[in-house]
């Protein structure tokens, strides 16, 4: 699954950003970091802004993102 992530929201994770990208690759997803996903209001609220195969997601943390991706994949 192609996962697009907002660069600004991802950078807020600090060192956990690298862990998230590695985990996504291990789960055979294709993470793409975009400068912006044009959902700035959600990003400014501190959410992790992403899309999974075009489906907009706004999880509160990386673990929630992984759970959402598992649900979409099922």
PDB file of N, CA and C in Angstrom:
ATOM      1  N   UNK A   1       0.844  -1.159   0.000  1.00  0.00           N
ATOM      2  CA  UNK A   1       0.000   0.000   0.000  1.00  0.00           C
ATOM      3  C   UNK A   1       0.903   1.240   0.000  1.00  0.00           C
ATOM      4  N   UNK A   2       0.550   2.247  -0.780  1.00  0.00           N
ATOM      5  CA  UNK A   2       1.307   3.486  -0.829  1.00  0.00           C
ATOM      6  C   UNK A   2       0.815   4.420   0.288  1.00  0.00           C
ATOM      7  N   UNK A   3       1.739   4.817   1.167  1.00  0.00           N
ATOM      8  CA  UNK A   3       1.416   5.679   2.293  1.00  0.00           C
ATOM      9  C   UNK A   3       2.114   7.014   2.096  1.00  0.00           C
ATOM     10  N   UNK A   4       1.336   8.071   1.919  1.00  0.00           N
ATOM     11  CA  UNK A   4       1.903   9.418   1.815  1.00  0.00           C
ATOM     12  C   UNK A   4       1.805  10.069   3.184  1.00  0.00           C
ATOM     13  N   UNK A   5       2.901  10.668   3.617  1.00  0.00           N
ATOM     14  CA  UNK A   5       2.970  11.309   4.926  1.00  0.00           C
ATOM     15  C   UNK A   5       3.382  12.765   4.776  1.00  0.00           C
ATOM     16  N   UNK A   6       2.767  13.626   5.565  1.00  0.00           N
ATOM     17  CA  UNK A   6       3.121  15.047   5.574  1.00  0.00           C
ATOM     18  C   UNK A   6       4.475  15.200   6.263  1.00  0.00           C
ATOM     19  N   UNK A   7       5.405  15.851   5.595  1.00  0.00           N
ATOM     20  CA  UNK A   7       6.757  16.031   6.122  1.00  0.00           C
ATOM     21  C   UNK A   7       6.745  16.782   7.454  1.00  0.00           C
ATOM     22  N   UNK A   8       5.960  17.826   7.555  1.00  0.00           N
ATOM     23  CA  UNK A   8       5.900  18.622   8.783  1.00  0.00           C
ATOM     24  C   UNK A   8       5.387  17.787   9.947  1.00  0.00           C
ATOM     25  N   UNK A   9       4.314  17.058   9.725  1.00  0.00           N
ATOM     26  CA  UNK A   9       3.745  16.223  10.782  1.00  0.00           C
ATOM     27  C   UNK A   9       4.714  15.102  11.160  1.00  0.00           C
ATOM     28  N   UNK A  10       5.389  14.539  10.178  1.00  0.00           N
ATOM     29  CA  UNK A  10       6.347  13.466  10.425  1.00  0.00           C
ATOM     30  C   UNK A  10       7.543  13.976  11.233  1.00  0.00           C
ATOM     31  N   UNK A  11       8.015  15.171  10.926  1.00  0.00           N
ATOM     32  CA  UNK A  11       9.165  15.739  11.625  1.00  0.00           C
ATOM     33  C   UNK A  11       8.874  15.989  13.106  1.00  0.00           C
ATOM     34  N   UNK A  12       7.619  16.204  13.428  1.00  0.00           N
ATOM     35  CA  UNK A  12       7.251  16.402  14.837  1.00  0.00           C
ATOM     36  C   UNK A  12       7.516  15.162  15.679  1.00  0.00           C
ATOM     37  N   UNK A  13       7.598  14.012  15.031  1.00  0.00           N
ATOM     38  CA  UNK A  13       7.835  12.762  15.750  1.00  0.00           C
ATOM     39  C   UNK A  13       9.278  12.622  16.211  1.00  0.00           C
ATOM     40  N   UNK A  14      10.172  13.426  15.669  1.00  0.00           N
ATOM     41  CA  UNK A  14      11.581  13.333  16.018  1.00  0.00           C
ATOM     42  C   UNK A  14      12.150  11.991  15.592  1.00  0.00           C
ATOM     43  N   UNK A  15      12.910  11.323  16.491  1.00  0.00           N
ATOM     44  CA  UNK A  15      13.528  10.039  16.143  1.00  0.00           C
ATOM     45  C   UNK A  15      12.515   8.934  15.815  1.00  0.00           C
ATOM     46  N   UNK A  16      11.291   9.084  16.307  1.00  0.00           N
ATOM     47  CA  UNK A  16      10.261   8.074  16.024  1.00  0.00           C
ATOM     48  C   UNK A  16       9.853   8.072  14.555  1.00  0.00           C
ATOM     49  N   UNK A  17      10.155   9.158  13.834  1.00  0.00           N
ATOM     50  CA  UNK A  17       9.822   9.230  12.413  1.00  0.00           C
ATOM     51  C   UNK A  17      10.561   8.143  11.641  1.00  0.00           C
ATOM     52  N   UNK A  18      11.849   7.983  11.914  1.00  0.00           N
ATOM     53  CA  UNK A  18      12.637   6.945  11.250  1.00  0.00           C
ATOM     54  C   UNK A  18      12.123   5.559  11.575  1.00  0.00           C
ATOM     55  N   UNK A  19      11.737   5.361  12.830  1.00  0.00           N
ATOM     56  CA  UNK A  19      11.183   4.068  13.250  1.00  0.00           C
ATOM     57  C   UNK A  19       9.895   3.769  12.503  1.00  0.00           C
ATOM     58  N   UNK A  20       9.042   4.793  12.364  1.00  0.00           N
ATOM     59  CA  UNK A  20       7.775   4.613  11.654  1.00  0.00           C
ATOM     60  C   UNK A  20       8.026   4.245  10.195  1.00  0.00           C
ATOM     61  N   UNK A  21       8.930   4.958   9.536  1.00  0.00           N
ATOM     62  CA  UNK A  21       9.218   4.663   8.128  1.00  0.00           C
ATOM     63  C   UNK A  21       9.766   3.249   7.969  1.00  0.00           C
ATOM     64  N   UNK A  22      10.636   2.839   8.881  1.00  0.00           N
ATOM     65  CA  UNK A  22      11.181   1.472   8.830  1.00  0.00           C
ATOM     66  C   UNK A  22      10.087   0.431   9.021  1.00  0.00           C
ATOM     67  N   UNK A  23       9.208   0.683   9.978  1.00  0.00           N
ATOM     68  CA  UNK A  23       8.109  -0.250  10.241  1.00  0.00           C
ATOM     69  C   UNK A  23       7.193  -0.361   9.030  1.00  0.00           C
ATOM     70  N   UNK A  24       6.905   0.764   8.396  1.00  0.00           N
ATOM     71  CA  UNK A  24       6.048   0.739   7.207  1.00  0.00           C
ATOM     72  C   UNK A  24       6.694  -0.112   6.104  1.00  0.00           C
ATOM     73  N   UNK A  25       7.987   0.065   5.912  1.00  0.00           N
ATOM     74  CA  UNK A  25       8.689  -0.722   4.884  1.00  0.00           C
ATOM     75  C   UNK A  25       8.694  -2.208   5.238  1.00  0.00           C
ATOM     76  N   UNK A  26       8.895  -2.512   6.526  1.00  0.00           N
ATOM     77  CA  UNK A  26       8.882  -3.912   6.961  1.00  0.00           C
ATOM     78  C   UNK A  26       7.532  -4.568   6.704  1.00  0.00           C
ATOM     79  N   UNK A  27       6.475  -3.768   6.787  1.00  0.00           N
ATOM     80  CA  UNK A  27       5.123  -4.278   6.546  1.00  0.00           C
ATOM     81  C   UNK A  27       4.764  -4.234   5.067  1.00  0.00           C
ATOM     82  N   UNK A  28       5.777  -3.984   4.233  1.00  0.00           N
ATOM     83  CA  UNK A  28       5.646  -3.968   2.781  1.00  0.00           C
ATOM     84  C   UNK A  28       4.763  -2.846   2.253  1.00  0.00           C
ATOM     85  N   UNK A  29       4.758  -1.714   2.977  1.00  0.00           N
ATOM     86  CA  UNK A  29       4.116  -0.499   2.489  1.00  0.00           C
ATOM     87  C   UNK A  29       5.186   0.348   1.807  1.00  0.00           C
ATOM     88  N   UNK A  30       4.748   1.284   1.008  1.00  0.00           N
ATOM     89  CA  UNK A  30       5.660   2.207   0.356  1.00  0.00           C
ATOM     90  C   UNK A  30       5.429   3.598   0.921  1.00  0.00           C
ATOM     91  N   UNK A  31       6.252   4.030   1.886  1.00  0.00           N
ATOM     92  CA  UNK A  31       6.073   5.365   2.452  1.00  0.00           C
ATOM     93  C   UNK A  31       6.665   6.436   1.534  1.00  0.00           C
ATOM     94  N   UNK A  32       5.913   7.492   1.340  1.00  0.00           N
ATOM     95  CA  UNK A  32       6.350   8.642   0.556  1.00  0.00           C
ATOM     96  C   UNK A  32       6.147   9.872   1.426  1.00  0.00           C
ATOM     97  N   UNK A  33       7.208  10.649   1.617  1.00  0.00           N
ATOM     98  CA  UNK A  33       7.117  11.858   2.427  1.00  0.00           C
ATOM     99  C   UNK A  33       6.902  13.035   1.486  1.00  0.00           C
ATOM    100  N   UNK A  34       5.761  13.698   1.639  1.00  0.00           N
ATOM    101  CA  UNK A  34       5.409  14.847   0.809  1.00  0.00           C
ATOM    102  C   UNK A  34       5.586  16.125   1.622  1.00  0.00           C
ATOM    103  N   UNK A  35       5.935  17.212   0.953  1.00  0.00           N
ATOM    104  CA  UNK A  35       6.090  18.484   1.656  1.00  0.00           C
ATOM    105  C   UNK A  35       4.802  18.879   2.362  1.00  0.00           C
ATOM    106  N   UNK A  36       3.679  18.629   1.717  1.00  0.00           N
ATOM    107  CA  UNK A  36       2.394  19.004   2.289  1.00  0.00           C
ATOM    108  C   UNK A  36       1.294  18.156   1.645  1.00  0.00           C
ATOM    109  N   UNK A  37       0.303  17.794   2.435  1.00  0.00           N
ATOM    110  CA  UNK A  37      -0.840  17.058   1.900  1.00  0.00           C
ATOM    111  C   UNK A  37      -2.095  17.921   1.890  1.00  0.00           C
ATOM    112  N   UNK A  38      -1.902  19.241   2.046  1.00  0.00           N
ATOM    113  CA  UNK A  38      -2.992  20.231   1.998  1.00  0.00           C
ATOM    114  C   UNK A  38      -4.094  19.961   3.015  1.00  0.00           C
ATOM    115  N   UNK A  39      -3.709  19.505   4.189  1.00  0.00           N
ATOM    116  CA  UNK A  39      -4.655  19.314   5.290  1.00  0.00           C
ATOM    117  C   UNK A  39      -4.052  19.960   6.525  1.00  0.00           C
ATOM    118  N   UNK A  40      -3.682  21.229   6.362  1.00  0.00           N
ATOM    119  CA  UNK A  40      -2.909  21.958   7.369  1.00  0.00           C
ATOM    120  C   UNK A  40      -3.620  22.088   8.707  1.00  0.00           C
ATOM    121  N   UNK A  41      -4.928  22.227   8.712  1.00  0.00           N
ATOM    122  CA  UNK A  41      -5.660  22.357   9.968  1.00  0.00           C
ATOM    123  C   UNK A  41      -5.449  21.126  10.835  1.00  0.00           C
ATOM    124  N   UNK A  42      -5.534  19.958  10.243  1.00  0.00           N
ATOM    125  CA  UNK A  42      -5.314  18.712  10.966  1.00  0.00           C
ATOM    126  C   UNK A  42      -3.863  18.634  11.437  1.00  0.00           C
ATOM    127  N   UNK A  43      -2.942  19.009  10.580  1.00  0.00           N
ATOM    128  CA  UNK A  43      -1.517  18.982  10.903  1.00  0.00           C
ATOM    129  C   UNK A  43      -1.223  19.917  12.079  1.00  0.00           C
ATOM    130  N   UNK A  44      -1.792  21.111  12.053  1.00  0.00           N
ATOM    131  CA  UNK A  44      -1.566  22.081  13.122  1.00  0.00           C
ATOM    132  C   UNK A  44      -2.131  21.614  14.459  1.00  0.00           C
ATOM    133  N   UNK A  45      -3.071  20.684  14.436  1.00  0.00           N
ATOM    134  CA  UNK A  45      -3.610  20.116  15.676  1.00  0.00           C
ATOM    135  C   UNK A  45      -2.673  19.056  16.257  1.00  0.00           C
ATOM    136  N   UNK A  46      -1.561  18.795  15.558  1.00  0.00           N
ATOM    137  CA  UNK A  46      -0.585  17.844  16.050  1.00  0.00           C
ATOM    138  C   UNK A  46      -0.821  16.419  15.603  1.00  0.00           C
ATOM    139  N   UNK A  47      -1.746  16.232  14.681  1.00  0.00           N
ATOM    140  CA  UNK A  47      -2.032  14.884  14.178  1.00  0.00           C
ATOM    141  C   UNK A  47      -1.013  14.505  13.115  1.00  0.00           C
ATOM    142  N   UNK A  48      -0.873  13.221  12.895  1.00  0.00           N
ATOM    143  CA  UNK A  48      -0.013  12.693  11.850  1.00  0.00           C
ATOM    144  C   UNK A  48      -0.858  12.629  10.582  1.00  0.00           C
ATOM    145  N   UNK A  49      -0.571  13.481   9.626  1.00  0.00           N
ATOM    146  CA  UNK A  49      -1.364  13.578   8.404  1.00  0.00           C
ATOM    147  C   UNK A  49      -0.820  12.593   7.371  1.00  0.00           C
ATOM    148  N   UNK A  50      -1.710  11.736   6.866  1.00  0.00           N
ATOM    149  CA  UNK A  50      -1.294  10.707   5.917  1.00  0.00           C
ATOM    150  C   UNK A  50      -2.444  10.337   4.993  1.00  0.00           C
ATOM    151  N   UNK A  51      -2.090   9.654   3.915  1.00  0.00           N
ATOM    152  CA  UNK A  51      -3.087   8.996   3.061  1.00  0.00           C
ATOM    153  C   UNK A  51      -2.591   7.580   2.805  1.00  0.00           C
ATOM    154  N   UNK A  52      -3.513   6.660   2.734  1.00  0.00           N
ATOM    155  CA  UNK A  52      -3.199   5.265   2.430  1.00  0.00           C
ATOM    156  C   UNK A  52      -3.965   4.898   1.176  1.00  0.00           C
ATOM    157  N   UNK A  53      -3.243   4.777   0.067  1.00  0.00           N
ATOM    158  CA  UNK A  53      -3.870   4.531  -1.234  1.00  0.00           C
ATOM    159  C   UNK A  53      -4.994   5.529  -1.491  1.00  0.00           C
ATOM    160  N   UNK A  54      -4.747   6.786  -1.138  1.00  0.00           N
ATOM    161  CA  UNK A  54      -5.695   7.862  -1.388  1.00  0.00           C
ATOM    162  C   UNK A  54      -6.713   8.098  -0.288  1.00  0.00           C
ATOM    163  N   UNK A  55      -6.761   7.243   0.720  1.00  0.00           N
ATOM    164  CA  UNK A  55      -7.704   7.399   1.837  1.00  0.00           C
ATOM    165  C   UNK A  55      -7.074   8.316   2.878  1.00  0.00           C
ATOM    166  N   UNK A  56      -7.688   9.470   3.163  1.00  0.00           N
ATOM    167  CA  UNK A  56      -7.094  10.387   4.146  1.00  0.00           C
ATOM    168  C   UNK A  56      -7.166   9.828   5.566  1.00  0.00           C
ATOM    169  N   UNK A  57      -6.047   9.961   6.287  1.00  0.00           N
ATOM    170  CA  UNK A  57      -5.949   9.501   7.664  1.00  0.00           C
ATOM    171  C   UNK A  57      -5.365  10.620   8.520  1.00  0.00           C
ATOM    172  N   UNK A  58      -5.755  10.657   9.785  1.00  0.00           N
ATOM    173  CA  UNK A  58      -5.216  11.657  10.718  1.00  0.00           C
ATOM    174  C   UNK A  58      -5.090  11.040  12.109  1.00  0.00           C
ATOM    175  N   UNK A  59      -4.212  10.051  12.256  1.00  0.00           N
ATOM    176  CA  UNK A  59      -4.035   9.418  13.563  1.00  0.00           C
ATOM    177  C   UNK A  59      -3.289  10.337  14.523  1.00  0.00           C
ATOM    178  N   UNK A  60      -3.455  10.073  15.809  1.00  0.00           N
ATOM    179  CA  UNK A  60      -2.797  10.876  16.830  1.00  0.00           C
ATOM    180  C   UNK A  60      -1.354  10.474  17.070  1.00  0.00           C
ATOM    181  N   UNK A  61      -0.983   9.255  16.638  1.00  0.00           N
ATOM    182  CA  UNK A  61       0.376   8.783  16.878  1.00  0.00           C
ATOM    183  C   UNK A  61       0.699   7.646  15.892  1.00  0.00           C
ATOM    184  N   UNK A  62       1.971   7.247  15.816  1.00  0.00           N
ATOM    185  CA  UNK A  62       2.352   6.194  14.864  1.00  0.00           C
ATOM    186  C   UNK A  62       1.642   4.865  15.100  1.00  0.00           C
ATOM    187  N   UNK A  63       1.446   4.486  16.351  1.00  0.00           N
ATOM    188  CA  UNK A  63       0.772   3.209  16.637  1.00  0.00           C
ATOM    189  C   UNK A  63      -0.652   3.216  16.090  1.00  0.00           C
ATOM    190  N   UNK A  64      -1.324   4.334  16.226  1.00  0.00           N
ATOM    191  CA  UNK A  64      -2.689   4.460  15.707  1.00  0.00           C
ATOM    192  C   UNK A  64      -2.685   4.379  14.180  1.00  0.00           C
ATOM    193  N   UNK A  65      -1.676   4.959  13.545  1.00  0.00           N
ATOM    194  CA  UNK A  65      -1.563   4.867  12.090  1.00  0.00           C
ATOM    195  C   UNK A  65      -1.412   3.414  11.661  1.00  0.00           C
ATOM    196  N   UNK A  66      -0.540   2.681  12.334  1.00  0.00           N
ATOM    197  CA  UNK A  66      -0.335   1.275  11.984  1.00  0.00           C
ATOM    198  C   UNK A  66      -1.608   0.466  12.161  1.00  0.00           C
ATOM    199  N   UNK A  67      -2.382   0.749  13.211  1.00  0.00           N
ATOM    200  CA  UNK A  67      -3.643   0.067  13.425  1.00  0.00           C
ATOM    201  C   UNK A  67      -4.631   0.372  12.307  1.00  0.00           C
ATOM    202  N   UNK A  68      -4.689   1.643  11.904  1.00  0.00           N
ATOM    203  CA  UNK A  68      -5.586   2.040  10.814  1.00  0.00           C
ATOM    204  C   UNK A  68      -5.202   1.330   9.516  1.00  0.00           C
ATOM    205  N   UNK A  69      -3.908   1.229   9.260  1.00  0.00           N
ATOM    206  CA  UNK A  69      -3.447   0.568   8.035  1.00  0.00           C
ATOM    207  C   UNK A  69      -3.800  -0.910   8.047  1.00  0.00           C
ATOM    208  N   UNK A  70      -3.681  -1.541   9.213  1.00  0.00           N
ATOM    209  CA  UNK A  70      -4.077  -2.952   9.321  1.00  0.00           C
ATOM    210  C   UNK A  70      -5.554  -3.124   9.024  1.00  0.00           C
ATOM    211  N   UNK A  71      -6.385  -2.205   9.526  1.00  0.00           N
ATOM    212  CA  UNK A  71      -7.823  -2.274   9.290  1.00  0.00           C
ATOM    213  C   UNK A  71      -8.158  -2.071   7.814  1.00  0.00           C
ATOM    214  N   UNK A  72      -7.464  -1.154   7.166  1.00  0.00           N
ATOM    215  CA  UNK A  72      -7.704  -0.901   5.741  1.00  0.00           C
ATOM    216  C   UNK A  72      -7.286  -2.116   4.916  1.00  0.00           C
ATOM    217  N   UNK A  73      -6.176  -2.733   5.284  1.00  0.00           N
ATOM    218  CA  UNK A  73      -5.646  -3.873   4.538  1.00  0.00           C
ATOM    219  C   UNK A  73      -6.552  -5.093   4.635  1.00  0.00           C
ATOM    220  N   UNK A  74      -7.311  -5.201   5.743  1.00  0.00           N
ATOM    221  CA  UNK A  74      -8.206  -6.365   5.928  1.00  0.00           C
ATOM    222  C   UNK A  74      -9.381  -6.262   5.058  1.00  0.00           C
TER     223      UNK A  74
END
